[in-house]
Protein backbone atom coordinates (compact mmCIF):
# COMPACT_ATOMS: atom_id res chain seq x y z
CA MET A 1 -0.03 -0.05 0.02
CA ASN A 2 1.30 3.45 -0.83
CA THR A 3 1.75 5.44 2.34
CA THR A 4 2.87 8.75 0.95
CA VAL A 5 0.32 11.60 0.08
CA GLN A 6 -0.01 12.57 -3.41
CA VAL A 7 1.43 16.26 -3.82
CA ILE A 8 -0.95 18.83 -5.70
CA SER A 9 0.93 21.28 -8.03
CA ASN A 10 -0.30 24.61 -8.50
CA PHE A 11 -1.38 23.58 -12.01
CA GLN A 12 -3.42 20.77 -10.58
CA LEU A 13 -4.74 23.09 -8.01
CA THR A 14 -5.85 25.60 -10.62
CA LEU A 15 -7.87 22.75 -12.47
CA ALA A 16 -10.10 22.16 -9.28
CA PHE A 17 -11.61 25.75 -10.02
CA ILE A 18 -13.01 24.55 -13.50
CA PRO A 19 -16.28 23.56 -12.09
CA VAL A 20 -16.22 26.58 -9.74
CA VAL A 21 -15.79 28.83 -12.70
CA LEU A 22 -18.65 26.93 -14.74
CA VAL A 23 -21.14 27.56 -11.73
CA LEU A 24 -20.19 31.21 -11.50
CA LEU A 25 -20.96 31.66 -15.10
CA MET A 26 -24.32 30.05 -14.98
CA MET A 27 -25.13 32.26 -11.92
CA LEU A 28 -24.25 35.50 -13.85
CA HIS A 29 -26.13 34.00 -17.01
CA TRP A 30 -29.38 33.58 -14.84
CA SER A 31 -28.74 36.81 -13.07
CA LEU A 32 -28.16 35.31 -9.69
CA LYS A 33 -26.06 37.15 -6.89
CA ALA A 34 -22.64 35.79 -7.96
CA GLY A 35 -20.81 38.50 -6.12
CA PHE A 36 -21.15 36.82 -2.53
CA ALA A 37 -20.47 33.60 -4.07
CA VAL A 38 -17.24 35.25 -5.39
CA TYR A 39 -16.64 36.75 -1.96
CA ALA A 40 -17.07 33.33 -0.16
CA LEU A 41 -14.31 31.94 -2.69
CA ILE A 42 -12.05 34.38 -1.87
CA ARG A 43 -12.46 34.41 1.90
CA MET A 44 -12.11 30.38 1.73
CA LEU A 45 -8.85 30.85 -0.14
CA ILE A 46 -7.28 33.43 2.21
CA GLN A 47 -8.47 31.64 5.26
CA LEU A 48 -7.07 28.19 4.40
CA LEU A 49 -3.78 29.77 3.20
CA LEU A 50 -3.67 31.71 6.35
CA VAL A 51 -4.30 28.85 8.44
CA GLY A 52 -1.74 26.69 6.58
CA TYR A 53 0.87 29.28 7.47
CA VAL A 54 -0.35 29.68 11.03
CA LEU A 55 -0.34 25.77 11.81
CA THR A 56 2.97 25.48 10.29
CA THR A 57 4.36 27.76 12.97
CA VAL A 58 2.36 26.23 15.76
CA PHE A 59 3.44 22.71 14.84
CA ALA A 60 7.17 24.02 14.67
CA ALA A 61 6.90 25.67 18.10
CA GLU A 62 5.45 22.46 19.84
CA GLN A 63 4.69 24.89 23.04
CA SER A 64 1.72 23.99 25.23
CA TRP A 65 0.57 27.41 25.63
CA VAL A 66 0.57 28.20 22.08
CA VAL A 67 -1.73 25.18 21.47
CA MET A 68 -3.86 26.59 24.21
CA LEU A 69 -3.94 30.08 22.86
CA VAL A 70 -5.08 28.67 19.58
CA MET A 71 -8.00 26.58 21.13
CA PHE A 72 -9.03 29.87 23.04
CA ILE A 73 -9.39 31.68 20.03
CA MET A 74 -11.31 28.75 18.59
CA VAL A 75 -13.88 28.63 21.46
CA SER A 76 -14.26 32.21 21.37
CA ALA A 77 -14.94 32.52 17.74
CA ALA A 78 -17.13 29.53 17.98
CA SER A 79 -19.22 30.93 20.70
CA TRP A 80 -19.94 34.28 19.01
CA ILE A 81 -20.67 32.57 15.57
CA ALA A 82 -23.12 30.09 17.23
CA LEU A 83 -25.25 32.96 18.50
CA GLY A 84 -25.77 34.41 14.97
CA THR A 85 -29.44 33.04 14.96
CA VAL A 86 -30.11 35.06 18.01
CA GLN A 87 -28.78 38.37 17.27
CA ALA A 88 -31.02 40.49 19.57
CA GLN A 89 -29.58 38.38 22.49
CA ARG A 90 -25.91 37.75 21.34
CA ARG A 91 -24.03 39.72 23.91
CA GLN A 92 -26.07 38.46 26.71
CA LEU A 93 -25.81 34.84 25.83
CA TYR A 94 -22.30 34.89 24.77
CA PRO A 95 -20.80 34.01 28.30
CA LEU A 96 -23.24 31.01 28.10
CA ALA A 97 -22.11 29.89 24.66
CA PHE A 98 -18.41 30.12 25.61
CA LEU A 99 -18.70 28.06 28.93
CA SER A 100 -20.91 25.47 27.22
CA ILE A 101 -18.32 25.03 24.36
CA LEU A 102 -15.40 25.08 26.73
CA LEU A 103 -16.96 22.69 29.18
CA GLY A 104 -18.95 20.25 26.89
CA GLY A 105 -16.15 20.19 24.02
CA GLY A 106 -13.14 20.60 26.17
CA LEU A 107 -13.90 17.76 28.50
CA THR A 108 -14.65 15.58 25.64
CA LEU A 109 -11.42 16.61 23.75
CA MET A 110 -9.39 15.79 27.04
CA LEU A 111 -10.86 12.48 27.34
CA VAL A 112 -10.07 11.39 23.92
CA THR A 113 -6.75 13.01 23.60
CA GLN A 114 -5.35 11.74 26.94
CA SER A 115 -7.16 8.40 27.49
CA VAL A 116 -8.39 7.20 24.22
CA ILE A 117 -5.44 8.33 21.94
CA GLY A 118 -2.86 8.84 24.76
CA LEU A 119 -0.95 11.81 23.12
CA THR A 120 2.41 12.34 23.74
CA PRO A 121 3.27 15.16 24.55
CA TRP A 122 -0.32 15.72 25.90
CA PHE A 123 -0.56 18.72 23.76
CA GLU A 124 0.63 17.15 20.64
CA PRO A 125 -0.46 20.06 17.96
CA ARG A 126 -0.91 17.73 15.08
CA TYR A 127 -3.62 15.85 16.99
CA MET A 128 -4.95 18.38 19.44
CA ILE A 129 -5.90 21.11 17.07
CA PRO A 130 -7.73 19.35 14.28
CA LEU A 131 -9.40 17.32 16.87
CA ALA A 132 -10.46 20.41 18.78
CA GLY A 133 -11.57 21.89 15.70
CA MET A 134 -13.96 18.99 14.97
CA ILE A 135 -15.42 19.02 18.39
CA PHE A 136 -15.91 22.94 18.75
CA ALA A 137 -17.30 23.36 15.40
CA ASN A 138 -20.09 20.67 15.83
CA ALA A 139 -20.63 22.27 19.20
CA MET A 140 -21.14 25.69 17.81
CA ASN A 141 -23.48 24.38 15.10
CA SER A 142 -25.59 22.48 18.00
CA ILE A 143 -25.75 25.52 20.06
CA SER A 144 -26.70 27.84 17.28
CA LEU A 145 -29.66 25.67 16.74
CA ALA A 146 -30.50 25.12 20.17
CA ALA A 147 -30.61 28.84 20.89
CA GLU A 148 -32.74 29.62 17.93
CA ARG A 149 -35.27 27.02 18.76
CA LEU A 150 -35.44 27.66 22.54
CA SER A 151 -35.89 31.38 21.86
CA ALA A 152 -38.41 30.64 19.25
CA GLU A 153 -40.40 28.35 21.48
CA LEU A 154 -40.14 30.74 24.69
CA ALA A 155 -41.49 33.63 22.41
CA ARG A 156 -44.52 31.45 21.96
CA ASN A 157 -45.16 31.41 25.66
CA ILE A 158 -44.16 27.79 25.80
CA ASP A 159 -43.07 26.56 29.37
CA TYR A 160 -39.23 26.18 29.83
CA LEU A 161 -39.19 22.39 30.32
CA SER A 162 -41.04 21.86 26.71
CA ALA A 163 -38.94 24.43 25.07
CA ARG A 164 -35.74 22.89 26.50
CA ASN A 165 -36.79 19.41 25.20
CA GLU A 166 -37.72 20.76 21.73
CA ALA A 167 -34.48 22.75 21.54
CA PHE A 168 -32.38 19.76 22.33
CA GLN A 169 -33.89 17.66 19.86
CA ALA A 170 -33.86 20.23 17.01
CA ALA A 171 -30.09 20.69 17.80
CA PHE A 172 -29.16 17.31 17.69
CA ILE A 173 -30.70 16.43 14.34
CA PRO A 174 -27.51 17.04 12.40
CA THR A 175 -25.45 15.11 14.78
CA ILE A 176 -27.93 12.10 14.59
CA ASN A 177 -28.34 12.25 10.74
CA SER A 178 -24.44 12.27 10.46
CA MET A 179 -24.15 9.15 12.49
CA LEU A 180 -26.75 7.46 10.35
CA ALA A 181 -25.13 8.40 7.31
CA VAL A 182 -21.50 7.65 7.82
CA GLY A 183 -20.15 4.89 5.91
CA LEU A 184 -23.38 4.64 3.89
CA VAL A 185 -23.58 8.14 2.37
CA SER A 186 -20.38 9.61 3.24
CA LEU A 187 -16.84 9.05 4.25
CA PRO A 188 -16.06 11.73 6.65
CA GLY A 189 -12.85 14.05 6.53
CA MET A 190 -10.45 12.43 8.87
CA MET A 191 -11.38 8.58 7.63
CA THR A 192 -10.86 9.95 3.93
CA GLY A 193 -7.84 11.75 4.77
CA GLN A 194 -6.14 8.93 6.33
CA ILE A 195 -7.15 6.53 3.60
CA LEU A 196 -5.68 8.90 0.90
CA SER A 197 -2.55 9.14 2.83
CA GLY A 198 -2.03 5.32 3.07
CA VAL A 199 -3.44 4.10 6.39
CA SER A 200 -5.25 1.01 6.47
CA PRO A 201 -9.04 1.47 6.05
CA ILE A 202 -9.64 -0.51 9.47
CA THR A 203 -7.39 1.87 11.29
CA ALA A 204 -9.10 4.74 9.73
CA ALA A 205 -12.45 3.28 10.68
CA HIS A 206 -11.39 2.91 14.50
CA TYR A 207 -10.19 6.62 14.34
CA GLN A 208 -13.31 7.81 12.47
CA ILE A 209 -15.43 5.88 15.52
CA VAL A 210 -13.52 7.89 17.99
CA VAL A 211 -14.18 11.08 16.22
CA MET A 212 -17.91 10.28 15.85
CA CYS A 213 -18.37 9.62 19.37
CA MET A 214 -16.42 12.57 20.54
CA ILE A 215 -18.80 14.83 18.20
CA PHE A 216 -21.78 13.11 19.67
CA GLY A 217 -20.59 13.68 23.13
CA GLY A 218 -19.05 17.05 22.76
CA SER A 219 -22.27 18.47 21.01
CA GLY A 220 -24.49 16.80 23.41
CA LEU A 221 -22.98 17.98 26.54
CA SER A 222 -22.52 21.49 25.03
CA ILE A 223 -26.25 21.54 24.45
CA VAL A 224 -26.97 20.47 27.83
CA PHE A 225 -24.46 22.98 29.53
CA PHE A 226 -26.04 25.71 27.24
CA LEU A 227 -29.78 25.01 28.30
CA TRP A 228 -28.77 24.41 31.85
CA LEU A 229 -27.05 27.73 31.99
CA PHE A 230 -29.87 29.63 30.28
CA LYS A 231 -32.34 28.14 32.71
CA THR A 232 -30.14 29.45 35.75
CA ARG A 233 -29.80 32.96 33.98
CA VAL A 234 -33.63 33.05 33.47
CA ASN A 235 -34.16 32.14 37.20
């Protein structure tokens, strides 16, 4: 089995934009708002190139405080983005979202990295940061859905317990769907990346099982913490 990653040249990378250009041309032809799509593409390019350089520096530094700083920024950004569905309450709910993602995602991350994988050193950046990104991103999406549904239910004068249950179920739908689809509809990013790099599909499957469990746990715990903190705030 080939264990080397196929290098993509600049020319080959350019070829990947052929379908992108075709879609943009069709959007222009149909008088759709192609400008925002172009903005999204440019932002994607800038962000990915920047994060590539940043991660190269972080991996080379191999300092625990650098990894912790990166994860603090990730949690801070995720908490703010998550509350985009409740703009009017964004500032008031931000501390709740931050604590929820930090506790729910952070506890899950520590369990996985220190007990399941057993990182050496404990903050190994090449594992810690990508895994943290997966957990925090899914927790962010879950809290975003929970906050929106909870606010909508309470605005209809539904009692808190019923609103809480509706919010939890709605927020957990994407997580449940991803677990039902994995292996049948999709091969997730980590598993695909490992297979492309030459890792045995069985080993890749084991890692993906760990990832799915940590996403399930991290998202679920973050929602629970958020709904509980919201209740204490209301009281």
